[in-house]
Every structure is written in C-alpha cells, then in structure tokens.
Amino acid sequence: MGEFSISRERIERYLALTAEALEKVEIPTVAGSDARAQAEDMLGMARAYHSDAQHFLTAGRGDDAFAAVNYAHGWLDAGVRLGLLDGKGDWKLFTQD
C-alpha cells in the first residue's frame, strides 16, 4: 500500500473553511428546549473537533488534524441538514437540502 499524506496548506484551508462555518452557523431562535440542547451539543462537538485539529496540526500530526477538522465540519453539516442549526442558506459552507 502507498503512503498518503495531506499537505499543511490543505489542512489549513479546511481549518479556515470550518472556522468560517462556525462563525456563520446559529441555533434557530424558534428551537424548543430539546432541539436547543441538541443543537448546542452538536455545535460544542464541532468546536471541540476544530480545536483538536488545530492542536494536532501544531503538534505535527497532520493526518489527525485532517481527520478532526472533517469531523468538525461533519457535525455542522449534520446539524444544518437536520434543521437544528441554521446555515443561513450558505451552500458553500454547508450541505443542505
């Protein structure tokens, strides 16, 4: 099997894209208490994975950083797709219906 590696520039591009998504996404004001709790949990997971990705990149663990940033964005995409998070109709940052 061949060796795979991801460039630092690519990881940084994904980190920046996810940071932009984290800035844009909001919890809808009409969310009930259960939906709000779920949305806050999803947003918290996305922030934690984004933070982990930054830590891994700083530690020279590029593969782990790439995996973590993709998990972070996956949490955001899932939240938007389920309607728990509001992506403001931004098709560039979020997977939507």
N, C-alpha and C. Protein backbone atom coordinates (compact mmCIF):
# COMPACT_ATOMS: atom_id res chain seq x y z
N MET A 1 0.84 -1.18 0.00
CA MET A 1 0.00 0.00 0.00
C MET A 1 0.88 1.24 0.00
N GLY A 2 0.41 2.26 -0.67
CA GLY A 2 1.16 3.51 -0.75
C GLY A 2 0.97 4.38 0.48
N GLU A 3 1.90 5.26 0.67
CA GLU A 3 1.85 6.22 1.78
C GLU A 3 1.01 7.42 1.35
N PHE A 4 0.14 7.87 2.23
CA PHE A 4 -0.68 9.05 1.96
C PHE A 4 -0.28 10.14 2.93
N SER A 5 -0.26 11.34 2.45
CA SER A 5 -0.05 12.47 3.34
C SER A 5 -0.84 13.66 2.80
N ILE A 6 -1.20 14.50 3.70
CA ILE A 6 -2.01 15.67 3.35
C ILE A 6 -1.16 16.90 3.61
N SER A 7 -1.15 17.81 2.68
CA SER A 7 -0.31 18.99 2.82
C SER A 7 -0.82 19.90 3.94
N ARG A 8 0.10 20.59 4.57
CA ARG A 8 -0.25 21.56 5.61
C ARG A 8 -1.20 22.61 5.05
N GLU A 9 -0.96 23.03 3.82
CA GLU A 9 -1.80 24.06 3.19
C GLU A 9 -3.24 23.57 3.06
N ARG A 10 -3.41 22.31 2.70
CA ARG A 10 -4.77 21.78 2.56
C ARG A 10 -5.47 21.73 3.92
N ILE A 11 -4.76 21.28 4.93
CA ILE A 11 -5.33 21.23 6.27
C ILE A 11 -5.70 22.63 6.73
N GLU A 12 -4.82 23.59 6.51
CA GLU A 12 -5.11 24.98 6.91
C GLU A 12 -6.31 25.53 6.15
N ARG A 13 -6.47 25.15 4.89
CA ARG A 13 -7.63 25.59 4.10
C ARG A 13 -8.93 25.03 4.71
N TYR A 14 -8.91 23.77 5.10
CA TYR A 14 -10.08 23.16 5.72
C TYR A 14 -10.35 23.77 7.10
N LEU A 15 -9.29 24.05 7.86
CA LEU A 15 -9.46 24.70 9.16
C LEU A 15 -10.12 26.07 8.99
N ALA A 16 -9.67 26.84 7.99
CA ALA A 16 -10.24 28.16 7.75
C ALA A 16 -11.70 28.06 7.30
N LEU A 17 -12.00 27.10 6.44
CA LEU A 17 -13.38 26.92 5.98
C LEU A 17 -14.29 26.56 7.15
N THR A 18 -13.84 25.68 8.02
CA THR A 18 -14.64 25.27 9.16
C THR A 18 -14.76 26.41 10.16
N ALA A 19 -13.71 27.20 10.34
CA ALA A 19 -13.79 28.37 11.22
C ALA A 19 -14.84 29.35 10.69
N GLU A 20 -14.88 29.54 9.37
CA GLU A 20 -15.88 30.42 8.76
C GLU A 20 -17.29 29.87 9.02
N ALA A 21 -17.43 28.55 8.88
CA ALA A 21 -18.73 27.92 9.11
C ALA A 21 -19.15 28.06 10.58
N LEU A 22 -18.21 27.91 11.50
CA LEU A 22 -18.52 28.07 12.92
C LEU A 22 -18.97 29.49 13.23
N GLU A 23 -18.40 30.45 12.55
CA GLU A 23 -18.79 31.85 12.74
C GLU A 23 -20.19 32.13 12.20
N LYS A 24 -20.54 31.46 11.12
CA LYS A 24 -21.81 31.74 10.44
C LYS A 24 -23.00 31.02 11.06
N VAL A 25 -22.81 29.77 11.46
CA VAL A 25 -23.92 28.94 11.92
C VAL A 25 -24.51 29.49 13.21
N GLU A 26 -25.83 29.35 13.33
CA GLU A 26 -26.53 29.78 14.54
C GLU A 26 -27.57 28.74 14.92
N ILE A 27 -27.96 28.80 16.17
CA ILE A 27 -29.07 27.98 16.64
C ILE A 27 -30.34 28.78 16.37
N PRO A 28 -31.30 28.20 15.66
CA PRO A 28 -32.54 28.93 15.37
C PRO A 28 -33.23 29.40 16.65
N THR A 29 -33.75 30.60 16.63
CA THR A 29 -34.41 31.16 17.82
C THR A 29 -35.70 30.44 18.15
N VAL A 30 -36.30 29.76 17.17
CA VAL A 30 -37.56 29.07 17.40
C VAL A 30 -37.36 27.65 17.95
N ALA A 31 -36.13 27.24 18.13
CA ALA A 31 -35.86 25.88 18.60
C ALA A 31 -36.42 25.68 20.01
N GLY A 32 -37.12 24.56 20.19
CA GLY A 32 -37.61 24.20 21.52
C GLY A 32 -36.45 23.79 22.41
N SER A 33 -36.71 23.56 23.68
CA SER A 33 -35.63 23.27 24.62
C SER A 33 -34.86 22.00 24.25
N ASP A 34 -35.55 20.95 23.80
CA ASP A 34 -34.85 19.72 23.39
C ASP A 34 -34.00 19.97 22.15
N ALA A 35 -34.56 20.64 21.18
CA ALA A 35 -33.83 20.95 19.95
C ALA A 35 -32.65 21.87 20.26
N ARG A 36 -32.84 22.84 21.14
CA ARG A 36 -31.76 23.74 21.51
C ARG A 36 -30.62 22.96 22.17
N ALA A 37 -30.95 22.04 23.06
CA ALA A 37 -29.93 21.24 23.74
C ALA A 37 -29.16 20.40 22.72
N GLN A 38 -29.87 19.81 21.76
CA GLN A 38 -29.22 19.01 20.73
C GLN A 38 -28.32 19.89 19.86
N ALA A 39 -28.81 21.07 19.49
CA ALA A 39 -28.03 21.99 18.67
C ALA A 39 -26.78 22.45 19.40
N GLU A 40 -26.92 22.77 20.67
CA GLU A 40 -25.76 23.18 21.47
C GLU A 40 -24.73 22.06 21.57
N ASP A 41 -25.21 20.82 21.70
CA ASP A 41 -24.31 19.67 21.75
C ASP A 41 -23.56 19.51 20.44
N MET A 42 -24.28 19.62 19.33
CA MET A 42 -23.65 19.49 18.01
C MET A 42 -22.62 20.59 17.78
N LEU A 43 -22.98 21.80 18.15
CA LEU A 43 -22.07 22.92 17.99
C LEU A 43 -20.85 22.76 18.89
N GLY A 44 -21.07 22.27 20.09
CA GLY A 44 -19.95 22.01 21.01
C GLY A 44 -19.00 20.96 20.47
N MET A 45 -19.55 19.91 19.88
CA MET A 45 -18.71 18.87 19.29
C MET A 45 -17.91 19.43 18.11
N ALA A 46 -18.54 20.24 17.28
CA ALA A 46 -17.83 20.84 16.15
C ALA A 46 -16.69 21.73 16.63
N ARG A 47 -16.95 22.53 17.64
CA ARG A 47 -15.90 23.40 18.18
C ARG A 47 -14.75 22.58 18.78
N ALA A 48 -15.09 21.50 19.49
CA ALA A 48 -14.07 20.66 20.12
C ALA A 48 -13.19 19.99 19.06
N TYR A 49 -13.81 19.44 18.02
CA TYR A 49 -13.03 18.80 16.97
C TYR A 49 -12.18 19.82 16.21
N HIS A 50 -12.70 21.02 16.00
CA HIS A 50 -11.92 22.07 15.33
C HIS A 50 -10.71 22.44 16.18
N SER A 51 -10.92 22.56 17.47
CA SER A 51 -9.82 22.85 18.38
C SER A 51 -8.79 21.72 18.38
N ASP A 52 -9.28 20.48 18.41
CA ASP A 52 -8.38 19.33 18.35
C ASP A 52 -7.55 19.36 17.07
N ALA A 53 -8.18 19.69 15.95
CA ALA A 53 -7.48 19.74 14.67
C ALA A 53 -6.34 20.76 14.72
N GLN A 54 -6.61 21.92 15.31
CA GLN A 54 -5.56 22.94 15.44
C GLN A 54 -4.41 22.42 16.30
N HIS A 55 -4.76 21.75 17.39
CA HIS A 55 -3.73 21.18 18.28
C HIS A 55 -2.90 20.13 17.53
N PHE A 56 -3.56 19.22 16.82
CA PHE A 56 -2.85 18.19 16.10
C PHE A 56 -1.91 18.79 15.04
N LEU A 57 -2.38 19.81 14.35
CA LEU A 57 -1.54 20.44 13.33
C LEU A 57 -0.30 21.05 13.97
N THR A 58 -0.49 21.74 15.08
CA THR A 58 0.64 22.34 15.79
C THR A 58 1.63 21.28 16.27
N ALA A 59 1.10 20.12 16.64
CA ALA A 59 1.93 19.02 17.14
C ALA A 59 2.57 18.20 16.00
N GLY A 60 2.31 18.59 14.76
CA GLY A 60 2.89 17.88 13.63
C GLY A 60 2.15 16.61 13.25
N ARG A 61 0.93 16.48 13.70
CA ARG A 61 0.12 15.29 13.42
C ARG A 61 -0.92 15.62 12.35
N GLY A 62 -0.44 15.84 11.14
CA GLY A 62 -1.28 16.30 10.05
C GLY A 62 -2.45 15.39 9.72
N ASP A 63 -2.21 14.08 9.71
CA ASP A 63 -3.31 13.16 9.39
C ASP A 63 -4.43 13.27 10.43
N ASP A 64 -4.05 13.36 11.71
CA ASP A 64 -5.06 13.50 12.77
C ASP A 64 -5.77 14.85 12.66
N ALA A 65 -5.02 15.90 12.31
CA ALA A 65 -5.63 17.22 12.14
C ALA A 65 -6.66 17.20 11.02
N PHE A 66 -6.32 16.55 9.91
CA PHE A 66 -7.24 16.47 8.78
C PHE A 66 -8.50 15.70 9.15
N ALA A 67 -8.32 14.60 9.86
CA ALA A 67 -9.48 13.82 10.30
C ALA A 67 -10.35 14.63 11.24
N ALA A 68 -9.75 15.31 12.19
CA ALA A 68 -10.52 16.07 13.19
C ALA A 68 -11.28 17.22 12.55
N VAL A 69 -10.67 17.93 11.62
CA VAL A 69 -11.37 19.07 11.01
C VAL A 69 -12.53 18.57 10.16
N ASN A 70 -12.39 17.41 9.56
CA ASN A 70 -13.50 16.86 8.79
C ASN A 70 -14.63 16.39 9.70
N TYR A 71 -14.31 15.85 10.87
CA TYR A 71 -15.35 15.52 11.85
C TYR A 71 -16.06 16.80 12.29
N ALA A 72 -15.29 17.86 12.54
CA ALA A 72 -15.89 19.13 12.96
C ALA A 72 -16.90 19.61 11.95
N HIS A 73 -16.51 19.62 10.69
CA HIS A 73 -17.42 20.12 9.66
C HIS A 73 -18.60 19.16 9.47
N GLY A 74 -18.35 17.88 9.66
CA GLY A 74 -19.44 16.90 9.58
C GLY A 74 -20.52 17.16 10.61
N TRP A 75 -20.11 17.52 11.84
CA TRP A 75 -21.10 17.87 12.88
C TRP A 75 -21.93 19.07 12.44
N LEU A 76 -21.27 20.07 11.86
CA LEU A 76 -22.00 21.26 11.41
C LEU A 76 -22.96 20.91 10.27
N ASP A 77 -22.47 20.15 9.30
CA ASP A 77 -23.33 19.75 8.18
C ASP A 77 -24.55 18.97 8.67
N ALA A 78 -24.32 18.05 9.60
CA ALA A 78 -25.43 17.25 10.12
C ALA A 78 -26.44 18.15 10.84
N GLY A 79 -25.96 19.08 11.64
CA GLY A 79 -26.86 19.98 12.35
C GLY A 79 -27.69 20.83 11.42
N VAL A 80 -27.06 21.33 10.36
CA VAL A 80 -27.79 22.14 9.37
C VAL A 80 -28.79 21.26 8.62
N ARG A 81 -28.34 20.09 8.22
CA ARG A 81 -29.21 19.18 7.47
C ARG A 81 -30.44 18.77 8.28
N LEU A 82 -30.27 18.58 9.59
CA LEU A 82 -31.38 18.19 10.45
C LEU A 82 -32.25 19.37 10.88
N GLY A 83 -31.81 20.57 10.55
CA GLY A 83 -32.57 21.76 10.93
C GLY A 83 -32.32 22.20 12.37
N LEU A 84 -31.34 21.60 13.03
CA LEU A 84 -31.00 22.01 14.40
C LEU A 84 -30.12 23.24 14.41
N LEU A 85 -29.39 23.45 13.32
CA LEU A 85 -28.53 24.62 13.17
C LEU A 85 -28.94 25.35 11.89
N ASP A 86 -28.80 26.66 11.91
CA ASP A 86 -29.14 27.49 10.76
C ASP A 86 -27.85 27.89 10.04
N GLY A 87 -27.71 27.40 8.80
CA GLY A 87 -26.54 27.72 7.99
C GLY A 87 -26.73 28.92 7.10
N LYS A 88 -27.83 29.63 7.29
CA LYS A 88 -28.12 30.85 6.53
C LYS A 88 -28.16 30.62 5.03
N GLY A 89 -28.53 29.40 4.61
CA GLY A 89 -28.65 29.10 3.19
C GLY A 89 -27.34 29.08 2.44
N ASP A 90 -26.23 28.96 3.14
CA ASP A 90 -24.91 29.01 2.51
C ASP A 90 -24.51 27.62 1.98
N TRP A 91 -24.67 27.42 0.70
CA TRP A 91 -24.37 26.12 0.07
C TRP A 91 -22.87 25.89 -0.03
N LYS A 92 -22.07 26.92 0.08
CA LYS A 92 -20.61 26.76 0.01
C LYS A 92 -20.09 26.14 1.30
N LEU A 93 -20.69 26.51 2.42
CA LEU A 93 -20.19 26.07 3.72
C LEU A 93 -20.89 24.83 4.26
N PHE A 94 -22.13 24.59 3.87
CA PHE A 94 -22.93 23.53 4.47
C PHE A 94 -23.63 22.68 3.43
N THR A 95 -23.79 21.40 3.74
CA THR A 95 -24.60 20.51 2.92
C THR A 95 -26.05 20.73 3.32
N GLN A 96 -26.89 21.05 2.36
CA GLN A 96 -28.29 21.33 2.67
C GLN A 96 -29.20 20.63 1.67
N ASP A 97 -30.48 20.57 2.00
CA ASP A 97 -31.48 20.00 1.08
C ASP A 97 -31.56 20.84 -0.17
